[in-house]
Amino acid sequence: MYAYYDREADIAWLPTGSSSHAVSEEVEWGLVDYDASTDEVVAIEIWGASRRLPKAILDALPAPGVHSDAAA
């Protein structure tokens, strides 16, 4: 489980936990993923990330599928 930034789609994915069954809720800025049994937030997906997050954070995030210990 690691965070990433998809530069082509301009989407940042930031996990906050894990779940074997997550459900997603669409919000104005992206998605919030919840564990279905505990309602705990397990990830957020930020759409239009380049407009919503500082460049330094986006630069620190790897591309999808590229694991980086710095962003784990």
N, C-alpha and C. Protein backbone atom coordinates (compact mmCIF):
# COMPACT_ATOMS: atom_id res chain seq x y z
N MET A 1 0.85 -1.17 0.00
CA MET A 1 0.00 0.00 0.00
C MET A 1 0.90 1.24 0.00
N TYR A 2 0.74 2.07 -1.00
CA TYR A 2 1.55 3.28 -1.11
C TYR A 2 0.76 4.36 -1.84
N ALA A 3 1.10 5.59 -1.58
CA ALA A 3 0.48 6.72 -2.26
C ALA A 3 1.10 6.87 -3.64
N TYR A 4 0.34 7.47 -4.55
CA TYR A 4 0.89 7.77 -5.87
C TYR A 4 0.20 8.98 -6.47
N TYR A 5 0.82 9.50 -7.52
CA TYR A 5 0.24 10.60 -8.29
C TYR A 5 0.30 10.24 -9.76
N ASP A 6 -0.85 10.13 -10.40
CA ASP A 6 -0.95 9.86 -11.83
C ASP A 6 -0.99 11.21 -12.54
N ARG A 7 0.14 11.58 -13.13
CA ARG A 7 0.25 12.89 -13.76
C ARG A 7 -0.66 13.05 -14.98
N GLU A 8 -0.86 11.98 -15.74
CA GLU A 8 -1.73 12.06 -16.92
C GLU A 8 -3.18 12.31 -16.52
N ALA A 9 -3.65 11.61 -15.49
CA ALA A 9 -5.03 11.76 -15.04
C ALA A 9 -5.18 12.89 -14.03
N ASP A 10 -4.06 13.39 -13.49
CA ASP A 10 -4.04 14.43 -12.46
C ASP A 10 -4.82 13.99 -11.22
N ILE A 11 -4.53 12.74 -10.80
CA ILE A 11 -5.18 12.15 -9.64
C ILE A 11 -4.12 11.67 -8.65
N ALA A 12 -4.30 12.06 -7.39
CA ALA A 12 -3.44 11.57 -6.31
C ALA A 12 -4.25 10.59 -5.48
N TRP A 13 -3.63 9.46 -5.13
CA TRP A 13 -4.28 8.45 -4.30
C TRP A 13 -3.47 8.32 -3.02
N LEU A 14 -4.14 8.51 -1.89
CA LEU A 14 -3.46 8.53 -0.60
C LEU A 14 -4.15 7.54 0.35
N PRO A 15 -3.53 6.38 0.57
CA PRO A 15 -4.13 5.41 1.49
C PRO A 15 -3.94 5.85 2.94
N THR A 16 -4.92 5.53 3.77
CA THR A 16 -4.83 5.83 5.19
C THR A 16 -4.99 4.58 6.03
N GLY A 17 -5.25 3.46 5.39
CA GLY A 17 -5.45 2.19 6.08
C GLY A 17 -5.64 1.10 5.05
N SER A 18 -6.20 0.00 5.48
CA SER A 18 -6.46 -1.10 4.54
C SER A 18 -7.83 -1.70 4.84
N SER A 19 -8.36 -2.37 3.85
CA SER A 19 -9.68 -2.99 3.99
C SER A 19 -9.81 -4.11 2.99
N SER A 20 -10.47 -5.17 3.39
CA SER A 20 -10.74 -6.25 2.44
C SER A 20 -12.02 -5.96 1.65
N HIS A 21 -12.81 -4.99 2.13
CA HIS A 21 -14.02 -4.61 1.41
C HIS A 21 -14.26 -3.12 1.62
N ALA A 22 -13.80 -2.33 0.68
CA ALA A 22 -13.97 -0.88 0.76
C ALA A 22 -15.13 -0.43 -0.12
N VAL A 23 -15.79 0.62 0.33
CA VAL A 23 -16.84 1.27 -0.47
C VAL A 23 -16.41 2.71 -0.69
N SER A 24 -16.76 3.25 -1.84
CA SER A 24 -16.34 4.60 -2.21
C SER A 24 -17.51 5.56 -2.18
N GLU A 25 -17.22 6.77 -1.73
CA GLU A 25 -18.20 7.85 -1.76
C GLU A 25 -17.61 8.97 -2.62
N GLU A 26 -18.34 9.38 -3.64
CA GLU A 26 -17.88 10.48 -4.48
C GLU A 26 -18.17 11.80 -3.78
N VAL A 27 -17.15 12.64 -3.76
CA VAL A 27 -17.27 13.99 -3.20
C VAL A 27 -16.85 14.97 -4.29
N GLU A 28 -17.01 16.25 -4.04
CA GLU A 28 -16.71 17.27 -5.06
C GLU A 28 -15.29 17.15 -5.62
N TRP A 29 -14.33 16.81 -4.79
CA TRP A 29 -12.91 16.81 -5.18
C TRP A 29 -12.35 15.42 -5.48
N GLY A 30 -13.18 14.35 -5.39
CA GLY A 30 -12.67 13.02 -5.67
C GLY A 30 -13.49 11.93 -5.02
N LEU A 31 -12.77 10.97 -4.41
CA LEU A 31 -13.42 9.84 -3.75
C LEU A 31 -12.87 9.67 -2.34
N VAL A 32 -13.73 9.20 -1.45
CA VAL A 32 -13.32 8.78 -0.13
C VAL A 32 -13.69 7.31 -0.02
N ASP A 33 -12.71 6.46 0.29
CA ASP A 33 -12.94 5.02 0.43
C ASP A 33 -13.04 4.68 1.90
N TYR A 34 -14.10 3.94 2.26
CA TYR A 34 -14.36 3.54 3.63
C TYR A 34 -14.33 2.02 3.74
N ASP A 35 -13.91 1.52 4.89
CA ASP A 35 -14.05 0.10 5.19
C ASP A 35 -15.54 -0.17 5.38
N ALA A 36 -16.07 -1.16 4.70
CA ALA A 36 -17.50 -1.43 4.72
C ALA A 36 -18.00 -1.83 6.11
N SER A 37 -17.18 -2.47 6.91
CA SER A 37 -17.67 -2.92 8.21
C SER A 37 -17.42 -1.93 9.34
N THR A 38 -16.40 -1.07 9.22
CA THR A 38 -16.07 -0.16 10.32
C THR A 38 -16.33 1.31 9.99
N ASP A 39 -16.58 1.63 8.74
CA ASP A 39 -16.73 3.02 8.26
C ASP A 39 -15.45 3.84 8.41
N GLU A 40 -14.33 3.19 8.68
CA GLU A 40 -13.04 3.88 8.77
C GLU A 40 -12.58 4.29 7.38
N VAL A 41 -12.07 5.52 7.25
CA VAL A 41 -11.53 5.98 5.97
C VAL A 41 -10.25 5.21 5.70
N VAL A 42 -10.17 4.57 4.52
CA VAL A 42 -8.99 3.78 4.18
C VAL A 42 -8.20 4.37 3.01
N ALA A 43 -8.77 5.36 2.32
CA ALA A 43 -8.03 6.03 1.23
C ALA A 43 -8.83 7.23 0.76
N ILE A 44 -8.09 8.17 0.17
CA ILE A 44 -8.75 9.27 -0.53
C ILE A 44 -8.10 9.39 -1.90
N GLU A 45 -8.92 9.73 -2.87
CA GLU A 45 -8.47 9.95 -4.24
C GLU A 45 -8.80 11.39 -4.58
N ILE A 46 -7.79 12.17 -4.91
CA ILE A 46 -7.98 13.59 -5.15
C ILE A 46 -7.90 13.87 -6.64
N TRP A 47 -9.02 14.30 -7.21
CA TRP A 47 -9.09 14.65 -8.63
C TRP A 47 -8.62 16.09 -8.79
N GLY A 48 -8.00 16.39 -9.91
CA GLY A 48 -7.48 17.74 -10.12
C GLY A 48 -6.41 18.06 -9.08
N ALA A 49 -5.60 17.07 -8.78
CA ALA A 49 -4.63 17.17 -7.69
C ALA A 49 -3.66 18.34 -7.87
N SER A 50 -3.30 18.66 -9.09
CA SER A 50 -2.36 19.76 -9.32
C SER A 50 -2.94 21.12 -8.93
N ARG A 51 -4.26 21.20 -8.84
CA ARG A 51 -4.91 22.44 -8.39
C ARG A 51 -5.19 22.44 -6.89
N ARG A 52 -5.12 21.28 -6.27
CA ARG A 52 -5.54 21.15 -4.87
C ARG A 52 -4.41 20.87 -3.89
N LEU A 53 -3.30 20.34 -4.38
CA LEU A 53 -2.19 19.98 -3.50
C LEU A 53 -0.94 20.75 -3.86
N PRO A 54 -0.07 21.01 -2.88
CA PRO A 54 1.19 21.70 -3.18
C PRO A 54 2.07 20.88 -4.14
N LYS A 55 2.76 21.56 -5.01
CA LYS A 55 3.64 20.92 -5.98
C LYS A 55 4.67 20.03 -5.30
N ALA A 56 5.18 20.44 -4.15
CA ALA A 56 6.19 19.65 -3.43
C ALA A 56 5.64 18.27 -3.05
N ILE A 57 4.39 18.21 -2.68
CA ILE A 57 3.79 16.91 -2.34
C ILE A 57 3.65 16.06 -3.59
N LEU A 58 3.14 16.63 -4.67
CA LEU A 58 2.97 15.87 -5.90
C LEU A 58 4.31 15.39 -6.44
N ASP A 59 5.34 16.23 -6.35
CA ASP A 59 6.67 15.83 -6.82
C ASP A 59 7.24 14.67 -6.00
N ALA A 60 6.83 14.55 -4.74
CA ALA A 60 7.33 13.49 -3.87
C ALA A 60 6.63 12.15 -4.10
N LEU A 61 5.47 12.19 -4.75
CA LEU A 61 4.71 10.96 -4.97
C LEU A 61 5.16 10.26 -6.24
N PRO A 62 5.31 8.93 -6.19
CA PRO A 62 5.68 8.19 -7.39
C PRO A 62 4.49 8.04 -8.33
N ALA A 63 4.77 7.62 -9.54
CA ALA A 63 3.73 7.28 -10.51
C ALA A 63 3.06 5.98 -10.08
N PRO A 64 1.82 5.73 -10.53
CA PRO A 64 1.16 4.45 -10.20
C PRO A 64 2.03 3.28 -10.63
N GLY A 65 2.09 2.27 -9.78
CA GLY A 65 2.86 1.07 -10.09
C GLY A 65 4.34 1.18 -9.79
N VAL A 66 4.81 2.36 -9.39
CA VAL A 66 6.23 2.56 -9.05
C VAL A 66 6.30 2.76 -7.55
N HIS A 67 6.83 1.76 -6.84
CA HIS A 67 6.91 1.86 -5.37
C HIS A 67 8.09 2.72 -4.97
N SER A 68 7.83 3.61 -4.05
CA SER A 68 8.90 4.47 -3.51
C SER A 68 8.78 4.47 -2.00
N ASP A 69 9.85 4.14 -1.30
CA ASP A 69 9.84 4.12 0.15
C ASP A 69 9.55 5.51 0.71
N ALA A 70 9.95 6.56 0.02
CA ALA A 70 9.73 7.92 0.49
C ALA A 70 8.25 8.26 0.53
N ALA A 71 7.46 7.64 -0.33
CA ALA A 71 6.03 7.95 -0.40
C ALA A 71 5.18 6.90 0.29
N ALA A 72 5.79 5.91 0.87
CA ALA A 72 5.02 4.82 1.51
C ALA A 72 4.42 5.26 2.80
